[in-house]
Amino acid sequence: MASHSTSRKPEPGAFRERRAVIVVDPLPVVRAGLSMLLASRPGFEVVAGVGTAADALAALDSVPSACVLVGLGLEGPNDAYWLTETIRARFPNATVIALGSRSDTTTISRALLSGAGAFVDKTVEPDEFLDSMDLAVAGEMVLAGPPSEWVGAIAGALDQGDRPYGPLTFRERQVLSVASEGLTSREIADRLGVRERTVTTHLSRIYGKLGVRSRVAALRAAASAGLISSTSPD
Protein backbone atom coordinates (compact mmCIF):
# COMPACT_ATOMS: atom_id res chain seq x y z
CA MET A 1 0.00 0.00 0.00
CA ALA A 2 1.41 3.38 -0.96
CA SER A 3 0.78 6.50 1.08
CA HIS A 4 0.49 9.99 -0.31
CA SER A 5 2.80 12.70 0.94
CA THR A 6 3.12 16.37 0.12
CA SER A 7 6.55 15.70 -1.41
CA ARG A 8 4.98 13.68 -4.21
CA LYS A 9 2.77 16.05 -6.19
CA PRO A 10 1.49 15.39 -9.69
CA GLU A 11 1.43 18.27 -12.12
CA PRO A 12 -1.99 20.00 -11.91
CA GLY A 13 -4.14 18.71 -14.73
CA ALA A 14 -1.75 15.83 -15.40
CA PHE A 15 -4.69 13.45 -15.60
CA ARG A 16 -6.61 15.22 -18.33
CA GLU A 17 -9.50 12.88 -18.87
CA ARG A 18 -12.55 14.65 -17.42
CA ARG A 19 -13.87 12.74 -14.42
CA ALA A 20 -17.34 13.07 -12.96
CA VAL A 21 -17.39 13.50 -9.17
CA ILE A 22 -20.21 12.87 -6.70
CA VAL A 23 -19.80 14.48 -3.28
CA VAL A 24 -21.58 12.69 -0.43
CA ASP A 25 -21.63 14.40 2.96
CA PRO A 26 -24.38 15.08 5.48
CA LEU A 27 -23.33 18.73 5.84
CA PRO A 28 -24.45 21.09 3.03
CA VAL A 29 -21.62 23.53 3.70
CA VAL A 30 -19.04 20.76 3.32
CA ARG A 31 -20.60 19.64 0.05
CA ALA A 32 -20.58 23.19 -1.28
CA GLY A 33 -16.99 23.82 -0.21
CA LEU A 34 -15.68 20.61 -1.78
CA SER A 35 -17.57 21.35 -4.99
CA MET A 36 -16.02 24.82 -5.22
CA LEU A 37 -12.54 23.42 -4.53
CA LEU A 38 -12.89 20.72 -7.18
CA ALA A 39 -14.05 23.30 -9.72
CA SER A 40 -10.61 24.89 -9.46
CA ARG A 41 -8.80 21.77 -10.78
CA PRO A 42 -9.07 20.92 -14.51
CA GLY A 43 -10.35 17.42 -15.17
CA PHE A 44 -12.99 17.23 -12.43
CA GLU A 45 -16.70 17.94 -12.81
CA VAL A 46 -18.98 17.72 -9.79
CA VAL A 47 -22.20 16.19 -11.14
CA ALA A 48 -23.98 15.79 -7.79
CA GLY A 49 -23.70 16.88 -4.18
CA VAL A 50 -25.91 14.74 -1.93
CA GLY A 51 -26.46 14.08 1.77
CA THR A 52 -27.74 10.51 1.81
CA ALA A 53 -26.67 7.08 0.60
CA ALA A 54 -29.87 6.67 -1.40
CA ASP A 55 -29.26 9.90 -3.32
CA ALA A 56 -25.63 8.88 -3.95
CA LEU A 57 -26.69 5.56 -5.48
CA ALA A 58 -29.33 7.30 -7.60
CA ALA A 59 -26.64 9.65 -8.94
CA LEU A 60 -24.36 6.69 -9.71
CA ASP A 61 -27.09 5.08 -11.78
CA SER A 62 -26.56 7.95 -14.24
CA VAL A 63 -22.75 8.11 -13.94
CA PRO A 64 -21.59 4.60 -12.89
CA SER A 65 -17.87 5.31 -13.32
CA ALA A 66 -17.84 8.48 -11.21
CA CYS A 67 -15.38 9.28 -8.46
CA VAL A 68 -17.39 9.32 -5.23
CA LEU A 69 -16.24 11.31 -2.20
CA VAL A 70 -17.88 9.68 0.83
CA GLY A 71 -17.86 11.65 4.06
CA LEU A 72 -17.45 9.29 7.01
CA GLY A 73 -19.85 11.47 8.99
CA LEU A 74 -22.70 9.84 7.09
CA GLU A 75 -24.55 7.89 9.79
CA GLY A 76 -27.58 5.66 10.24
CA PRO A 77 -28.36 2.18 8.88
CA ASN A 78 -27.06 3.22 5.45
CA ASP A 79 -23.92 4.88 6.72
CA ALA A 80 -20.66 5.69 4.95
CA TYR A 81 -19.34 2.13 5.26
CA TRP A 82 -22.56 0.58 4.00
CA LEU A 83 -22.56 3.01 1.08
CA THR A 84 -18.95 2.21 0.21
CA GLU A 85 -19.60 -1.55 0.23
CA THR A 86 -22.72 -1.08 -1.88
CA ILE A 87 -20.87 1.03 -4.43
CA ARG A 88 -18.17 -1.65 -4.69
CA ALA A 89 -20.82 -4.29 -5.32
CA ARG A 90 -23.00 -2.37 -7.76
CA PHE A 91 -20.58 -0.01 -9.49
CA PRO A 92 -17.14 -1.68 -9.78
CA ASN A 93 -15.87 1.02 -12.16
CA ALA A 94 -16.48 3.80 -9.63
CA THR A 95 -13.67 5.19 -7.49
CA VAL A 96 -14.46 5.74 -3.81
CA ILE A 97 -12.48 8.20 -1.70
CA ALA A 98 -13.29 8.25 2.02
CA LEU A 99 -13.23 11.66 3.69
CA GLY A 100 -12.69 11.85 7.44
CA SER A 101 -12.01 14.53 10.02
CA ARG A 102 -9.11 13.77 12.35
CA SER A 103 -9.97 10.09 11.95
CA ASP A 104 -8.14 7.42 13.93
CA THR A 105 -6.49 4.30 12.50
CA THR A 106 -9.54 2.12 13.18
CA THR A 107 -11.86 4.44 11.27
CA ILE A 108 -9.44 4.72 8.34
CA SER A 109 -8.88 0.95 8.17
CA ARG A 110 -12.60 0.30 8.28
CA ALA A 111 -13.21 2.73 5.41
CA LEU A 112 -10.53 1.06 3.28
CA LEU A 113 -11.76 -2.44 4.12
CA SER A 114 -15.27 -1.38 3.11
CA GLY A 115 -13.89 -0.71 -0.36
CA ALA A 116 -12.58 2.84 -0.46
CA GLY A 117 -9.53 3.16 -2.70
CA ALA A 118 -8.18 6.16 -0.80
CA PHE A 119 -8.56 8.14 2.40
CA VAL A 120 -8.21 11.90 2.71
CA ASP A 121 -8.60 13.80 5.96
CA LYS A 122 -10.50 17.08 5.73
CA THR A 123 -7.73 18.78 7.70
CA VAL A 124 -5.26 18.65 4.77
CA GLU A 125 -4.46 21.77 2.78
CA PRO A 126 -6.54 22.37 -0.38
CA ASP A 127 -3.61 21.70 -2.71
CA GLU A 128 -2.86 18.38 -1.01
CA PHE A 129 -6.53 17.42 -1.26
CA LEU A 130 -6.55 18.08 -5.02
CA ASP A 131 -3.24 16.27 -5.53
CA SER A 132 -4.67 13.29 -3.64
CA MET A 133 -7.71 13.31 -5.90
CA ASP A 134 -5.48 13.21 -8.98
CA LEU A 135 -3.54 10.23 -7.64
CA ALA A 136 -6.63 8.35 -6.46
CA VAL A 137 -8.43 8.57 -9.80
CA ALA A 138 -5.20 7.38 -11.43
CA GLY A 139 -5.56 4.18 -9.43
CA GLU A 140 -3.10 4.73 -6.58
CA MET A 141 -3.83 3.90 -2.95
CA VAL A 142 -3.71 7.25 -1.18
CA LEU A 143 -3.55 8.17 2.49
CA ALA A 144 -3.54 11.94 2.98
CA GLY A 145 -3.65 13.42 6.44
CA PRO A 146 -2.77 10.56 8.83
CA PRO A 147 0.67 10.72 10.48
CA SER A 148 3.27 8.60 8.70
CA GLU A 149 3.69 6.41 11.77
CA TRP A 150 0.08 5.23 11.38
CA VAL A 151 0.70 3.66 7.99
CA GLY A 152 2.02 0.38 9.42
CA ALA A 153 -1.00 -0.10 11.67
CA ILE A 154 -3.41 0.64 8.82
CA ALA A 155 -1.57 -1.72 6.46
CA GLY A 156 -1.64 -4.44 9.12
CA ALA A 157 -5.39 -4.08 9.55
CA LEU A 158 -5.87 -4.36 5.79
CA ASP A 159 -3.70 -7.47 5.62
CA GLN A 160 -5.84 -9.12 8.29
CA GLY A 161 -9.14 -8.12 6.73
CA ASP A 162 -8.64 -8.30 2.97
CA ARG A 163 -9.82 -11.92 2.57
CA PRO A 164 -13.10 -12.29 4.51
CA TYR A 165 -14.85 -14.77 2.22
CA GLY A 166 -12.50 -17.72 1.68
CA PRO A 167 -11.66 -19.48 -1.63
CA LEU A 168 -13.20 -18.46 -4.93
CA THR A 169 -16.36 -20.34 -5.87
CA PHE A 170 -16.88 -21.97 -9.24
CA ARG A 171 -19.18 -19.11 -10.35
CA GLU A 172 -16.63 -16.50 -9.27
CA ARG A 173 -13.98 -18.27 -11.33
CA GLN A 174 -16.37 -18.23 -14.28
CA VAL A 175 -16.90 -14.50 -13.88
CA LEU A 176 -13.14 -13.90 -13.79
CA SER A 177 -12.57 -16.13 -16.80
CA VAL A 178 -15.09 -14.21 -18.89
CA ALA A 179 -13.82 -10.89 -17.53
CA SER A 180 -10.34 -11.78 -18.81
CA GLU A 181 -11.73 -11.42 -22.34
CA GLY A 182 -12.15 -7.69 -21.68
CA LEU A 183 -15.95 -7.76 -21.51
CA THR A 184 -18.04 -5.26 -19.56
CA SER A 185 -20.15 -6.32 -16.58
CA ARG A 186 -23.25 -6.27 -18.77
CA GLU A 187 -21.56 -8.44 -21.40
CA ILE A 188 -20.39 -10.87 -18.72
CA ALA A 189 -23.95 -11.08 -17.41
CA ASP A 190 -25.29 -11.81 -20.91
CA ARG A 191 -22.67 -14.53 -21.43
CA LEU A 192 -23.47 -16.25 -18.12
CA GLY A 193 -27.21 -15.71 -18.23
CA VAL A 194 -27.39 -13.69 -15.00
CA ARG A 195 -28.24 -10.11 -14.06
CA GLU A 196 -25.57 -7.40 -14.34
CA ARG A 197 -25.92 -6.65 -10.64
CA THR A 198 -25.12 -10.29 -9.88
CA VAL A 199 -21.87 -9.94 -11.80
CA THR A 200 -20.87 -6.75 -9.96
CA THR A 201 -21.59 -8.47 -6.64
CA HIS A 202 -19.37 -11.42 -7.65
CA LEU A 203 -16.61 -9.01 -8.67
CA SER A 204 -16.77 -7.19 -5.34
CA ARG A 205 -16.42 -10.47 -3.44
CA ILE A 206 -13.58 -11.57 -5.71
CA TYR A 207 -11.68 -8.34 -4.97
CA GLY A 208 -12.02 -8.98 -1.24
CA LYS A 209 -10.88 -12.59 -1.51
CA LEU A 210 -7.86 -11.76 -3.64
CA GLY A 211 -6.96 -8.69 -1.59
CA VAL A 212 -7.10 -6.32 -4.58
CA ARG A 213 -9.09 -3.22 -5.51
CA SER A 214 -9.50 -3.36 -9.27
CA ARG A 215 -10.48 -5.78 -12.03
CA VAL A 216 -7.04 -5.67 -13.62
CA ALA A 217 -5.36 -6.52 -10.34
CA ALA A 218 -7.85 -9.34 -9.74
CA LEU A 219 -7.14 -10.85 -13.15
CA ARG A 220 -3.40 -10.69 -12.56
CA ALA A 221 -3.69 -12.30 -9.13
CA ALA A 222 -6.05 -15.01 -10.38
CA ALA A 223 -3.89 -15.79 -13.40
CA SER A 224 -0.80 -16.02 -11.21
CA ALA A 225 -2.60 -18.45 -8.90
CA GLY A 226 -4.06 -20.45 -11.80
CA LEU A 227 -7.61 -19.73 -10.66
CA ILE A 228 -9.22 -18.54 -13.86
CA SER A 229 -8.30 -21.66 -15.81
CA SER A 230 -10.40 -23.88 -13.51
CA THR A 231 -13.47 -25.46 -15.11
CA SER A 232 -14.72 -27.59 -12.22
CA PRO A 233 -16.69 -26.48 -9.17
CA ASP A 234 -15.17 -26.21 -5.70
Foldseek 3Di string as FASTA:
>chain_A
DDEDDPVDFDDQCPPQAAAEEEEEAQDPVVQVVVQVLQVVGHRYHHPYYYHALVVVVVVCVVVLQHEYEFEQVADDPCGSLVSLLLSQLQRLNYAYEYEYAPDDLVSVLSNVLSFHQEYAYPPDDSSSVVRQVVVRNVPHYYYYDDDPVSPVVSVVSLVVQLAPPDDQWLVLLLLLLVVVVVDDLCVSCVVVVHDSSVSSNSVSNLCSRQVHRHSVVSNVSCVVVVSNVDNDGD
